[in-house]
Amino acid sequence: MSQAAGSGNGAITLSTKFFVEGDFTATVSANRAGMGSVEVGLDAVFGSGSEFAGTADVFFVRQSRVGTTIFAEVDAGSGFTTLHSRSDAAFAKPAQFDLFLIQEFGSTAGNQAAFDNWTIVADSIPAVPEASTWVLLACGLLALRASTRRRGGSAARSTEVDLRSGRLQGRARLS
């Protein structure tokens, strides 16, 4: 991730398109060497975020959920240390994840951060059809509807039994 020099504060976010359900652990390695007050990190999003930034130049960030409790941890080289943990019923909702770079405090210099080894392990990642699947389904339904309308508007053939002679007779009728 990189951000060009500018005249004010700014942020860059890279987000997952999928949601996870149940307990999870998300871990990423980050490098923000030489960036001063710029924040980089991992955010689990439950409608409103629960973000935190790392405190060293090269570090691992981990967020995990057990039930309705979120744990935010960082490892700057000597093992994971819990920065904070919070419990809230809102944390039981499906979650998405963001990697972020935030430039604040009037810094106008361009910045860059590197993320690596992003892993997400969860109880459940619900399958969501891709957009192309929905398009194909819609096209198929439209074609089915068109063929049904076409059949209803043209001459349809009916077969009747003549009860006196016992013979089948075919007749065309207009609908």
N, C-alpha and C. Protein backbone atom coordinates (compact mmCIF):
# COMPACT_ATOMS: atom_id res chain seq x y z
N MET A 1 0.85 -1.17 0.00
CA MET A 1 0.00 0.00 0.00
C MET A 1 0.88 1.22 0.00
N SER A 2 0.52 2.18 -0.78
CA SER A 2 1.27 3.43 -0.72
C SER A 2 0.32 4.60 -0.91
N GLN A 3 0.71 5.73 -0.37
CA GLN A 3 -0.08 6.95 -0.45
C GLN A 3 0.85 8.06 -0.88
N ALA A 4 0.46 8.77 -1.93
CA ALA A 4 1.29 9.86 -2.44
C ALA A 4 1.25 11.05 -1.47
N ALA A 5 2.24 11.94 -1.62
CA ALA A 5 2.27 13.16 -0.80
C ALA A 5 1.03 13.97 -1.10
N GLY A 6 0.53 14.66 -0.09
CA GLY A 6 -0.68 15.46 -0.25
C GLY A 6 -0.68 16.63 0.70
N SER A 7 -1.82 17.27 0.83
CA SER A 7 -1.90 18.46 1.67
C SER A 7 -2.57 18.20 3.01
N GLY A 8 -3.03 16.99 3.26
CA GLY A 8 -3.71 16.74 4.54
C GLY A 8 -3.68 15.27 4.92
N ASN A 9 -4.55 14.91 5.86
CA ASN A 9 -4.63 13.54 6.33
C ASN A 9 -5.24 12.65 5.25
N GLY A 10 -4.99 11.35 5.37
CA GLY A 10 -5.56 10.42 4.41
C GLY A 10 -5.50 8.99 4.92
N ALA A 11 -6.18 8.10 4.21
CA ALA A 11 -6.20 6.69 4.61
C ALA A 11 -6.37 5.82 3.37
N ILE A 12 -5.81 4.63 3.44
CA ILE A 12 -5.98 3.61 2.41
C ILE A 12 -6.46 2.36 3.12
N THR A 13 -7.45 1.70 2.54
CA THR A 13 -7.98 0.47 3.14
C THR A 13 -8.11 -0.60 2.09
N LEU A 14 -7.69 -1.81 2.41
CA LEU A 14 -7.86 -2.98 1.57
C LEU A 14 -8.79 -3.92 2.33
N SER A 15 -9.95 -4.26 1.73
CA SER A 15 -10.99 -5.01 2.45
C SER A 15 -11.26 -6.36 1.80
N THR A 16 -11.70 -7.32 2.62
CA THR A 16 -12.18 -8.59 2.08
C THR A 16 -13.59 -8.40 1.56
N LYS A 17 -13.98 -9.19 0.56
CA LYS A 17 -15.34 -9.15 0.03
C LYS A 17 -16.25 -10.15 0.74
N PHE A 18 -15.67 -11.07 1.47
CA PHE A 18 -16.44 -12.13 2.12
C PHE A 18 -16.57 -11.84 3.61
N PHE A 19 -17.52 -12.53 4.23
CA PHE A 19 -17.75 -12.44 5.67
C PHE A 19 -17.32 -13.75 6.32
N VAL A 20 -17.00 -13.70 7.60
CA VAL A 20 -16.75 -14.91 8.38
C VAL A 20 -17.74 -14.94 9.53
N GLU A 21 -18.09 -16.15 9.95
CA GLU A 21 -19.01 -16.32 11.07
C GLU A 21 -18.35 -17.19 12.13
N GLY A 22 -18.81 -17.05 13.36
CA GLY A 22 -18.26 -17.85 14.46
C GLY A 22 -16.92 -17.31 14.92
N ASP A 23 -16.21 -18.15 15.64
CA ASP A 23 -14.88 -17.76 16.13
C ASP A 23 -13.90 -17.67 14.96
N PHE A 24 -12.93 -16.75 15.05
CA PHE A 24 -11.94 -16.60 13.99
C PHE A 24 -10.63 -16.10 14.56
N THR A 25 -9.59 -16.25 13.75
CA THR A 25 -8.28 -15.65 14.01
C THR A 25 -7.77 -15.10 12.69
N ALA A 26 -7.42 -13.83 12.65
CA ALA A 26 -6.86 -13.19 11.46
C ALA A 26 -5.49 -12.63 11.84
N THR A 27 -4.48 -12.97 11.04
CA THR A 27 -3.10 -12.55 11.32
C THR A 27 -2.47 -11.99 10.05
N VAL A 28 -1.65 -10.95 10.20
CA VAL A 28 -0.92 -10.38 9.06
C VAL A 28 0.42 -9.83 9.55
N SER A 29 1.40 -9.91 8.69
CA SER A 29 2.71 -9.31 8.96
C SER A 29 2.72 -7.94 8.29
N ALA A 30 3.22 -6.92 8.99
CA ALA A 30 3.24 -5.55 8.45
C ALA A 30 4.62 -4.94 8.61
N ASN A 31 4.97 -4.06 7.66
CA ASN A 31 6.24 -3.35 7.70
C ASN A 31 5.96 -1.88 7.40
N ARG A 32 6.26 -1.03 8.34
CA ARG A 32 6.07 0.41 8.16
C ARG A 32 7.36 1.16 8.46
N ALA A 33 8.47 0.58 8.12
CA ALA A 33 9.80 1.14 8.43
C ALA A 33 9.93 2.57 7.93
N GLY A 34 10.38 3.45 8.79
CA GLY A 34 10.66 4.84 8.44
C GLY A 34 9.45 5.72 8.20
N MET A 35 8.28 5.35 8.72
CA MET A 35 7.08 6.13 8.43
C MET A 35 6.62 7.01 9.57
N GLY A 36 7.30 7.06 10.66
CA GLY A 36 6.94 7.98 11.74
C GLY A 36 5.57 7.70 12.33
N SER A 37 4.67 8.69 12.27
CA SER A 37 3.38 8.59 12.94
C SER A 37 2.30 7.91 12.11
N VAL A 38 2.65 7.34 10.99
CA VAL A 38 1.66 6.65 10.17
C VAL A 38 1.25 5.36 10.85
N GLU A 39 -0.06 5.08 10.85
CA GLU A 39 -0.59 3.86 11.45
C GLU A 39 -0.87 2.84 10.36
N VAL A 40 -0.50 1.59 10.60
CA VAL A 40 -0.88 0.49 9.72
C VAL A 40 -1.39 -0.63 10.62
N GLY A 41 -2.31 -1.44 10.09
CA GLY A 41 -2.82 -2.52 10.93
C GLY A 41 -3.93 -3.31 10.27
N LEU A 42 -4.64 -4.03 11.12
CA LEU A 42 -5.71 -4.95 10.74
C LEU A 42 -6.96 -4.55 11.49
N ASP A 43 -8.09 -4.59 10.82
CA ASP A 43 -9.36 -4.17 11.40
C ASP A 43 -10.39 -5.25 11.12
N ALA A 44 -11.04 -5.78 12.15
CA ALA A 44 -12.19 -6.65 11.98
C ALA A 44 -13.42 -5.76 12.02
N VAL A 45 -14.27 -5.83 11.01
CA VAL A 45 -15.39 -4.90 10.86
C VAL A 45 -16.71 -5.63 11.09
N PHE A 46 -17.49 -5.15 12.05
CA PHE A 46 -18.80 -5.73 12.38
C PHE A 46 -19.88 -4.68 12.17
N GLY A 47 -19.82 -3.93 11.11
CA GLY A 47 -20.71 -2.79 10.92
C GLY A 47 -19.95 -1.53 11.29
N SER A 48 -19.42 -1.46 12.51
CA SER A 48 -18.48 -0.40 12.88
C SER A 48 -17.20 -1.09 13.31
N GLY A 49 -16.09 -0.50 13.05
CA GLY A 49 -14.81 -1.17 13.20
C GLY A 49 -14.31 -1.31 14.62
N SER A 50 -13.23 -2.02 14.73
CA SER A 50 -12.54 -2.25 15.99
C SER A 50 -11.05 -2.25 15.67
N GLU A 51 -10.58 -1.18 15.05
CA GLU A 51 -9.22 -1.19 14.49
C GLU A 51 -8.16 -0.88 15.54
N PHE A 52 -6.97 -1.29 15.23
CA PHE A 52 -5.81 -0.95 16.05
C PHE A 52 -4.59 -0.96 15.16
N ALA A 53 -3.56 -0.25 15.57
CA ALA A 53 -2.34 -0.15 14.78
C ALA A 53 -1.19 -0.80 15.53
N GLY A 54 -0.19 -1.20 14.77
CA GLY A 54 1.01 -1.77 15.38
C GLY A 54 1.91 -0.67 15.92
N THR A 55 2.85 -1.06 16.77
CA THR A 55 3.69 -0.07 17.44
C THR A 55 5.15 -0.15 17.04
N ALA A 56 5.56 -1.12 16.24
CA ALA A 56 6.96 -1.25 15.82
C ALA A 56 7.03 -1.09 14.30
N ASP A 57 8.23 -1.06 13.76
CA ASP A 57 8.37 -0.93 12.30
C ASP A 57 7.99 -2.21 11.57
N VAL A 58 8.41 -3.35 12.07
CA VAL A 58 8.05 -4.64 11.47
C VAL A 58 7.39 -5.47 12.56
N PHE A 59 6.17 -5.93 12.31
CA PHE A 59 5.42 -6.62 13.36
C PHE A 59 4.35 -7.50 12.76
N PHE A 60 3.79 -8.38 13.59
CA PHE A 60 2.63 -9.18 13.24
C PHE A 60 1.44 -8.64 14.02
N VAL A 61 0.29 -8.61 13.39
CA VAL A 61 -0.94 -8.16 14.03
C VAL A 61 -1.91 -9.33 13.98
N ARG A 62 -2.64 -9.56 15.07
CA ARG A 62 -3.61 -10.64 15.10
C ARG A 62 -4.87 -10.17 15.80
N GLN A 63 -6.01 -10.47 15.21
CA GLN A 63 -7.30 -10.27 15.87
C GLN A 63 -7.99 -11.61 15.91
N SER A 64 -8.61 -11.90 17.04
CA SER A 64 -9.36 -13.14 17.15
C SER A 64 -10.67 -12.88 17.88
N ARG A 65 -11.63 -13.74 17.60
CA ARG A 65 -12.93 -13.64 18.26
C ARG A 65 -13.23 -15.00 18.88
N VAL A 66 -13.62 -14.97 20.13
CA VAL A 66 -14.11 -16.14 20.82
C VAL A 66 -15.46 -15.74 21.41
N GLY A 67 -16.52 -16.30 20.86
CA GLY A 67 -17.87 -15.88 21.28
C GLY A 67 -18.13 -14.45 20.87
N THR A 68 -18.31 -13.57 21.85
CA THR A 68 -18.53 -12.15 21.57
C THR A 68 -17.38 -11.29 22.08
N THR A 69 -16.22 -11.89 22.28
CA THR A 69 -15.05 -11.16 22.76
C THR A 69 -14.00 -11.09 21.65
N ILE A 70 -13.49 -9.88 21.41
CA ILE A 70 -12.45 -9.64 20.41
C ILE A 70 -11.13 -9.40 21.14
N PHE A 71 -10.08 -10.04 20.65
CA PHE A 71 -8.74 -9.85 21.19
C PHE A 71 -7.87 -9.23 20.10
N ALA A 72 -7.21 -8.11 20.42
CA ALA A 72 -6.27 -7.46 19.51
C ALA A 72 -4.87 -7.66 20.06
N GLU A 73 -4.01 -8.27 19.23
CA GLU A 73 -2.67 -8.61 19.70
C GLU A 73 -1.62 -8.15 18.69
N VAL A 74 -0.41 -7.90 19.18
CA VAL A 74 0.70 -7.51 18.31
C VAL A 74 1.96 -8.28 18.75
N ASP A 75 2.79 -8.61 17.77
CA ASP A 75 4.06 -9.29 18.02
C ASP A 75 5.15 -8.51 17.31
N ALA A 76 5.99 -7.82 18.08
CA ALA A 76 7.10 -7.05 17.50
C ALA A 76 8.40 -7.84 17.53
N GLY A 77 8.32 -9.15 17.78
CA GLY A 77 9.50 -9.99 17.75
C GLY A 77 9.67 -10.88 18.95
N SER A 78 8.93 -10.65 20.02
CA SER A 78 9.10 -11.46 21.23
C SER A 78 7.83 -12.21 21.61
N GLY A 79 6.94 -12.45 20.67
CA GLY A 79 5.69 -13.16 20.95
C GLY A 79 4.51 -12.20 21.02
N PHE A 80 3.32 -12.74 20.82
CA PHE A 80 2.11 -11.90 20.81
C PHE A 80 1.80 -11.37 22.20
N THR A 81 1.47 -10.08 22.24
CA THR A 81 1.05 -9.40 23.46
C THR A 81 -0.34 -8.83 23.20
N THR A 82 -1.27 -9.01 24.14
CA THR A 82 -2.62 -8.48 23.97
C THR A 82 -2.61 -6.97 24.20
N LEU A 83 -3.06 -6.22 23.18
CA LEU A 83 -3.18 -4.77 23.31
C LEU A 83 -4.47 -4.42 24.05
N HIS A 84 -5.54 -5.08 23.66
CA HIS A 84 -6.82 -4.90 24.35
C HIS A 84 -7.76 -6.04 23.96
N SER A 85 -8.78 -6.20 24.78
CA SER A 85 -9.86 -7.13 24.46
C SER A 85 -11.16 -6.47 24.90
N ARG A 86 -12.21 -6.74 24.13
CA ARG A 86 -13.52 -6.16 24.44
C ARG A 86 -14.59 -7.19 24.16
N SER A 87 -15.65 -7.14 24.93
CA SER A 87 -16.82 -7.99 24.69
C SER A 87 -18.00 -7.10 24.36
N ASP A 88 -18.77 -7.50 23.38
CA ASP A 88 -19.95 -6.76 22.97
C ASP A 88 -20.82 -7.70 22.16
N ALA A 89 -22.12 -7.65 22.35
CA ALA A 89 -23.04 -8.51 21.59
C ALA A 89 -22.93 -8.25 20.09
N ALA A 90 -22.56 -7.03 19.70
CA ALA A 90 -22.41 -6.69 18.27
C ALA A 90 -21.28 -7.49 17.62
N PHE A 91 -20.33 -7.97 18.41
CA PHE A 91 -19.20 -8.73 17.86
C PHE A 91 -19.60 -10.13 17.42
N ALA A 92 -20.82 -10.55 17.69
CA ALA A 92 -21.30 -11.87 17.23
C ALA A 92 -21.72 -11.84 15.77
N LYS A 93 -21.86 -10.64 15.20
CA LYS A 93 -22.27 -10.50 13.79
C LYS A 93 -21.18 -11.02 12.86
N PRO A 94 -21.56 -11.37 11.61
CA PRO A 94 -20.53 -11.73 10.62
C PRO A 94 -19.52 -10.58 10.48
N ALA A 95 -18.26 -10.93 10.24
CA ALA A 95 -17.19 -9.93 10.18
C ALA A 95 -16.50 -9.94 8.83
N GLN A 96 -16.03 -8.77 8.42
CA GLN A 96 -15.13 -8.60 7.28
C GLN A 96 -13.82 -8.06 7.84
N PHE A 97 -12.77 -8.02 7.00
CA PHE A 97 -11.47 -7.56 7.48
C PHE A 97 -10.91 -6.48 6.57
N ASP A 98 -10.22 -5.52 7.18
CA ASP A 98 -9.54 -4.44 6.46
C ASP A 98 -8.07 -4.42 6.88
N LEU A 99 -7.20 -4.18 5.91
CA LEU A 99 -5.83 -3.77 6.19
C LEU A 99 -5.82 -2.28 5.94
N PHE A 100 -5.13 -1.50 6.77
CA PHE A 100 -5.20 -0.05 6.59
C PHE A 100 -3.86 0.63 6.78
N LEU A 101 -3.74 1.78 6.16
CA LEU A 101 -2.63 2.72 6.33
C LEU A 101 -3.29 4.07 6.55
N ILE A 102 -3.02 4.71 7.68
CA ILE A 102 -3.65 6.00 8.00
C ILE A 102 -2.55 7.03 8.23
N GLN A 103 -2.64 8.13 7.52
CA GLN A 103 -1.71 9.25 7.66
C GLN A 103 -2.45 10.37 8.38
N GLU A 104 -1.98 10.73 9.57
CA GLU A 104 -2.66 11.75 10.36
C GLU A 104 -1.70 12.80 10.86
N PHE A 105 -2.23 13.68 11.67
CA PHE A 105 -1.45 14.68 12.41
C PHE A 105 -0.72 15.66 11.49
N GLY A 106 -1.32 16.00 10.34
CA GLY A 106 -0.77 17.02 9.47
C GLY A 106 0.42 16.59 8.64
N SER A 107 0.78 15.33 8.66
CA SER A 107 1.88 14.84 7.83
C SER A 107 1.45 14.85 6.37
N THR A 108 2.28 15.43 5.51
CA THR A 108 1.91 15.50 4.09
C THR A 108 2.83 14.67 3.20
N ALA A 109 3.78 13.95 3.79
CA ALA A 109 4.71 13.14 3.01
C ALA A 109 4.02 11.89 2.47
N GLY A 110 4.53 11.38 1.35
CA GLY A 110 4.02 10.11 0.83
C GLY A 110 4.47 8.98 1.75
N ASN A 111 3.69 7.93 1.84
CA ASN A 111 4.00 6.81 2.72
C ASN A 111 3.76 5.49 2.04
N GLN A 112 4.36 4.45 2.59
CA GLN A 112 4.23 3.12 2.02
C GLN A 112 4.30 2.10 3.15
N ALA A 113 3.50 1.05 3.04
CA ALA A 113 3.54 -0.05 4.01
C ALA A 113 3.43 -1.35 3.23
N ALA A 114 4.02 -2.39 3.76
CA ALA A 114 3.96 -3.71 3.13
C ALA A 114 3.27 -4.68 4.08
N PHE A 115 2.32 -5.45 3.54
CA PHE A 115 1.64 -6.49 4.30
C PHE A 115 1.99 -7.83 3.66
N ASP A 116 2.14 -8.86 4.48
CA ASP A 116 2.50 -10.18 3.97
C ASP A 116 1.87 -11.24 4.86
N ASN A 117 1.70 -12.44 4.31
CA ASN A 117 1.22 -13.60 5.07
C ASN A 117 -0.09 -13.33 5.80
N TRP A 118 -1.08 -12.80 5.09
CA TRP A 118 -2.39 -12.53 5.67
C TRP A 118 -3.15 -13.85 5.71
N THR A 119 -3.48 -14.32 6.90
CA THR A 119 -4.25 -15.55 7.04
C THR A 119 -5.51 -15.29 7.85
N ILE A 120 -6.58 -15.95 7.47
CA ILE A 120 -7.85 -15.87 8.18
C ILE A 120 -8.36 -17.29 8.37
N VAL A 121 -8.55 -17.68 9.61
CA VAL A 121 -9.09 -18.99 9.95
C VAL A 121 -10.39 -18.75 10.71
N ALA A 122 -11.49 -19.35 10.24
CA ALA A 122 -12.78 -19.08 10.86
C ALA A 122 -13.61 -20.35 10.93
N ASP A 123 -14.60 -20.34 11.84
CA ASP A 123 -15.54 -21.47 11.94
C ASP A 123 -16.31 -21.65 10.64
N SER A 124 -16.68 -20.52 10.01
CA SER A 124 -17.51 -20.60 8.81
C SER A 124 -17.26 -19.40 7.91
N ILE A 125 -17.14 -19.66 6.62
CA ILE A 125 -17.10 -18.61 5.61
C ILE A 125 -18.23 -18.95 4.64
N PRO A 126 -19.41 -18.33 4.83
CA PRO A 126 -20.57 -18.68 4.00
C PRO A 126 -20.30 -18.45 2.52
N ALA A 127 -20.76 -19.37 1.71
CA ALA A 127 -20.60 -19.25 0.25
C ALA A 127 -21.59 -18.21 -0.27
N VAL A 128 -21.10 -17.32 -1.07
CA VAL A 128 -21.94 -16.30 -1.70
C VAL A 128 -21.71 -16.42 -3.20
N PRO A 129 -22.78 -16.55 -3.99
CA PRO A 129 -22.59 -16.66 -5.43
C PRO A 129 -21.89 -15.43 -6.01
N GLU A 130 -21.04 -15.66 -7.00
CA GLU A 130 -20.38 -14.56 -7.68
C GLU A 130 -21.39 -13.82 -8.54
N ALA A 131 -21.05 -12.60 -8.92
CA ALA A 131 -21.95 -11.78 -9.74
C ALA A 131 -22.29 -12.48 -11.05
N SER A 132 -21.33 -13.16 -11.67
CA SER A 132 -21.59 -13.82 -12.94
C SER A 132 -22.63 -14.93 -12.78
N THR A 133 -22.69 -15.56 -11.62
CA THR A 133 -23.70 -16.58 -11.36
C THR A 133 -25.09 -15.97 -11.37
N TRP A 134 -25.23 -14.81 -10.73
CA TRP A 134 -26.52 -14.13 -10.71
C TRP A 134 -26.93 -13.70 -12.12
N VAL A 135 -25.98 -13.22 -12.91
CA VAL A 135 -26.28 -12.80 -14.29
C VAL A 135 -26.77 -13.98 -15.11
N LEU A 136 -26.08 -15.13 -15.02
CA LEU A 136 -26.51 -16.31 -15.76
C LEU A 136 -27.89 -16.78 -15.32
N LEU A 137 -28.17 -16.74 -14.02
CA LEU A 137 -29.48 -17.12 -13.52
C LEU A 137 -30.56 -16.20 -14.08
N ALA A 138 -30.30 -14.89 -14.07
CA ALA A 138 -31.27 -13.92 -14.59
C ALA A 138 -31.52 -14.13 -16.08
N CYS A 139 -30.45 -14.38 -16.85
CA CYS A 139 -30.60 -14.63 -18.30
C CYS A 139 -31.44 -15.88 -18.55
N GLY A 140 -31.20 -16.92 -17.77
CA GLY A 140 -31.97 -18.15 -17.92
C GLY A 140 -33.43 -17.95 -17.60
N LEU A 141 -33.72 -17.19 -16.55
CA LEU A 141 -35.11 -16.93 -16.19
C LEU A 141 -35.80 -16.07 -17.24
N LEU A 142 -35.09 -15.09 -17.80
CA LEU A 142 -35.67 -14.26 -18.86
C LEU A 142 -35.95 -15.09 -20.12
N ALA A 143 -35.04 -15.99 -20.47
CA ALA A 143 -35.26 -16.86 -21.63
C ALA A 143 -36.44 -17.78 -21.40
N LEU A 144 -36.58 -18.31 -20.21
CA LEU A 144 -37.72 -19.18 -19.88
C LEU A 144 -39.02 -18.40 -19.98
N ARG A 145 -39.03 -17.19 -19.45
CA ARG A 145 -40.23 -16.34 -19.52
C ARG A 145 -40.59 -16.02 -20.97
N ALA A 146 -39.57 -15.70 -21.78
CA ALA A 146 -39.83 -15.36 -23.19
C ALA A 146 -40.40 -16.56 -23.95
N SER A 147 -39.87 -17.75 -23.71
CA SER A 147 -40.38 -18.93 -24.42
C SER A 147 -41.79 -19.26 -23.97
N THR A 148 -42.12 -19.03 -22.72
CA THR A 148 -43.48 -19.28 -22.23
C THR A 148 -44.46 -18.30 -22.84
N ARG A 149 -44.09 -17.04 -22.96
CA ARG A 149 -44.98 -16.03 -23.56
C ARG A 149 -45.18 -16.30 -25.04
N ARG A 150 -44.10 -16.72 -25.72
CA ARG A 150 -44.19 -17.01 -27.15
C ARG A 150 -45.17 -18.15 -27.39
N ARG A 151 -45.12 -19.19 -26.58
CA ARG A 151 -45.99 -20.33 -26.72
C ARG A 151 -47.44 -19.94 -26.47
N GLY A 152 -47.69 -19.09 -25.51
CA GLY A 152 -49.05 -18.69 -25.17
C GLY A 152 -49.68 -17.79 -26.21
N GLY A 153 -48.93 -17.09 -27.02
CA GLY A 153 -49.46 -16.15 -27.98
C GLY A 153 -49.68 -16.75 -29.36
N SER A 154 -49.18 -17.93 -29.66
CA SER A 154 -49.34 -18.53 -30.98
C SER A 154 -50.41 -19.61 -30.92
N ALA A 155 -50.64 -20.22 -32.07
CA ALA A 155 -51.66 -21.28 -32.14
C ALA A 155 -51.19 -22.47 -31.30
N ALA A 156 -52.04 -22.90 -30.40
CA ALA A 156 -51.73 -24.06 -29.58
C ALA A 156 -52.64 -25.21 -30.02
N ARG A 157 -52.13 -26.39 -30.03
CA ARG A 157 -52.87 -27.54 -30.52
C ARG A 157 -53.52 -28.26 -29.35
N SER A 158 -54.78 -28.59 -29.51
CA SER A 158 -55.46 -29.37 -28.49
C SER A 158 -55.97 -30.65 -29.14
N THR A 159 -56.06 -31.66 -28.35
CA THR A 159 -56.56 -32.94 -28.84
C THR A 159 -57.82 -33.28 -28.07
N GLU A 160 -58.86 -33.63 -28.80
CA GLU A 160 -60.12 -34.00 -28.17
C GLU A 160 -60.53 -35.38 -28.64
N VAL A 161 -61.32 -36.05 -27.84
CA VAL A 161 -61.85 -37.36 -28.21
C VAL A 161 -63.30 -37.18 -28.61
N ASP A 162 -63.63 -37.67 -29.81
CA ASP A 162 -65.01 -37.65 -30.27
C ASP A 162 -65.69 -38.85 -29.63
N LEU A 163 -66.62 -38.56 -28.71
CA LEU A 163 -67.25 -39.63 -27.94
C LEU A 163 -68.12 -40.55 -28.81
N ARG A 164 -68.69 -40.04 -29.91
CA ARG A 164 -69.54 -40.88 -30.75
C ARG A 164 -68.73 -41.90 -31.52
N SER A 165 -67.64 -41.47 -32.12
CA SER A 165 -66.86 -42.40 -32.95
C SER A 165 -65.67 -43.00 -32.22
N GLY A 166 -65.27 -42.42 -31.09
CA GLY A 166 -64.12 -42.92 -30.35
C GLY A 166 -62.79 -42.55 -30.98
N ARG A 167 -62.81 -41.62 -31.96
CA ARG A 167 -61.57 -41.22 -32.62
C ARG A 167 -61.01 -39.94 -31.99
N LEU A 168 -59.68 -39.83 -32.07
CA LEU A 168 -59.01 -38.59 -31.63
C LEU A 168 -59.10 -37.57 -32.74
N GLN A 169 -59.37 -36.35 -32.40
CA GLN A 169 -59.38 -35.28 -33.38
C GLN A 169 -58.47 -34.16 -32.88
N GLY A 170 -57.67 -33.65 -33.79
CA GLY A 170 -56.80 -32.53 -33.44
C GLY A 170 -57.40 -31.23 -33.95
N ARG A 171 -57.35 -30.21 -33.16
CA ARG A 171 -57.85 -28.90 -33.54
C ARG A 171 -56.85 -27.83 -33.14
N ALA A 172 -56.77 -26.86 -33.95
CA ALA A 172 -55.93 -25.71 -33.60
C ALA A 172 -56.83 -24.64 -33.02
N ARG A 173 -56.37 -24.02 -31.97
CA ARG A 173 -57.13 -22.91 -31.40
C ARG A 173 -56.19 -21.75 -31.13
N LEU A 174 -56.69 -20.57 -31.22
CA LEU A 174 -55.88 -19.38 -30.95
C LEU A 174 -56.09 -18.95 -29.52
N SER A 175 -55.00 -18.61 -28.85
CA SER A 175 -55.10 -18.17 -27.46
C SER A 175 -55.03 -16.67 -27.39
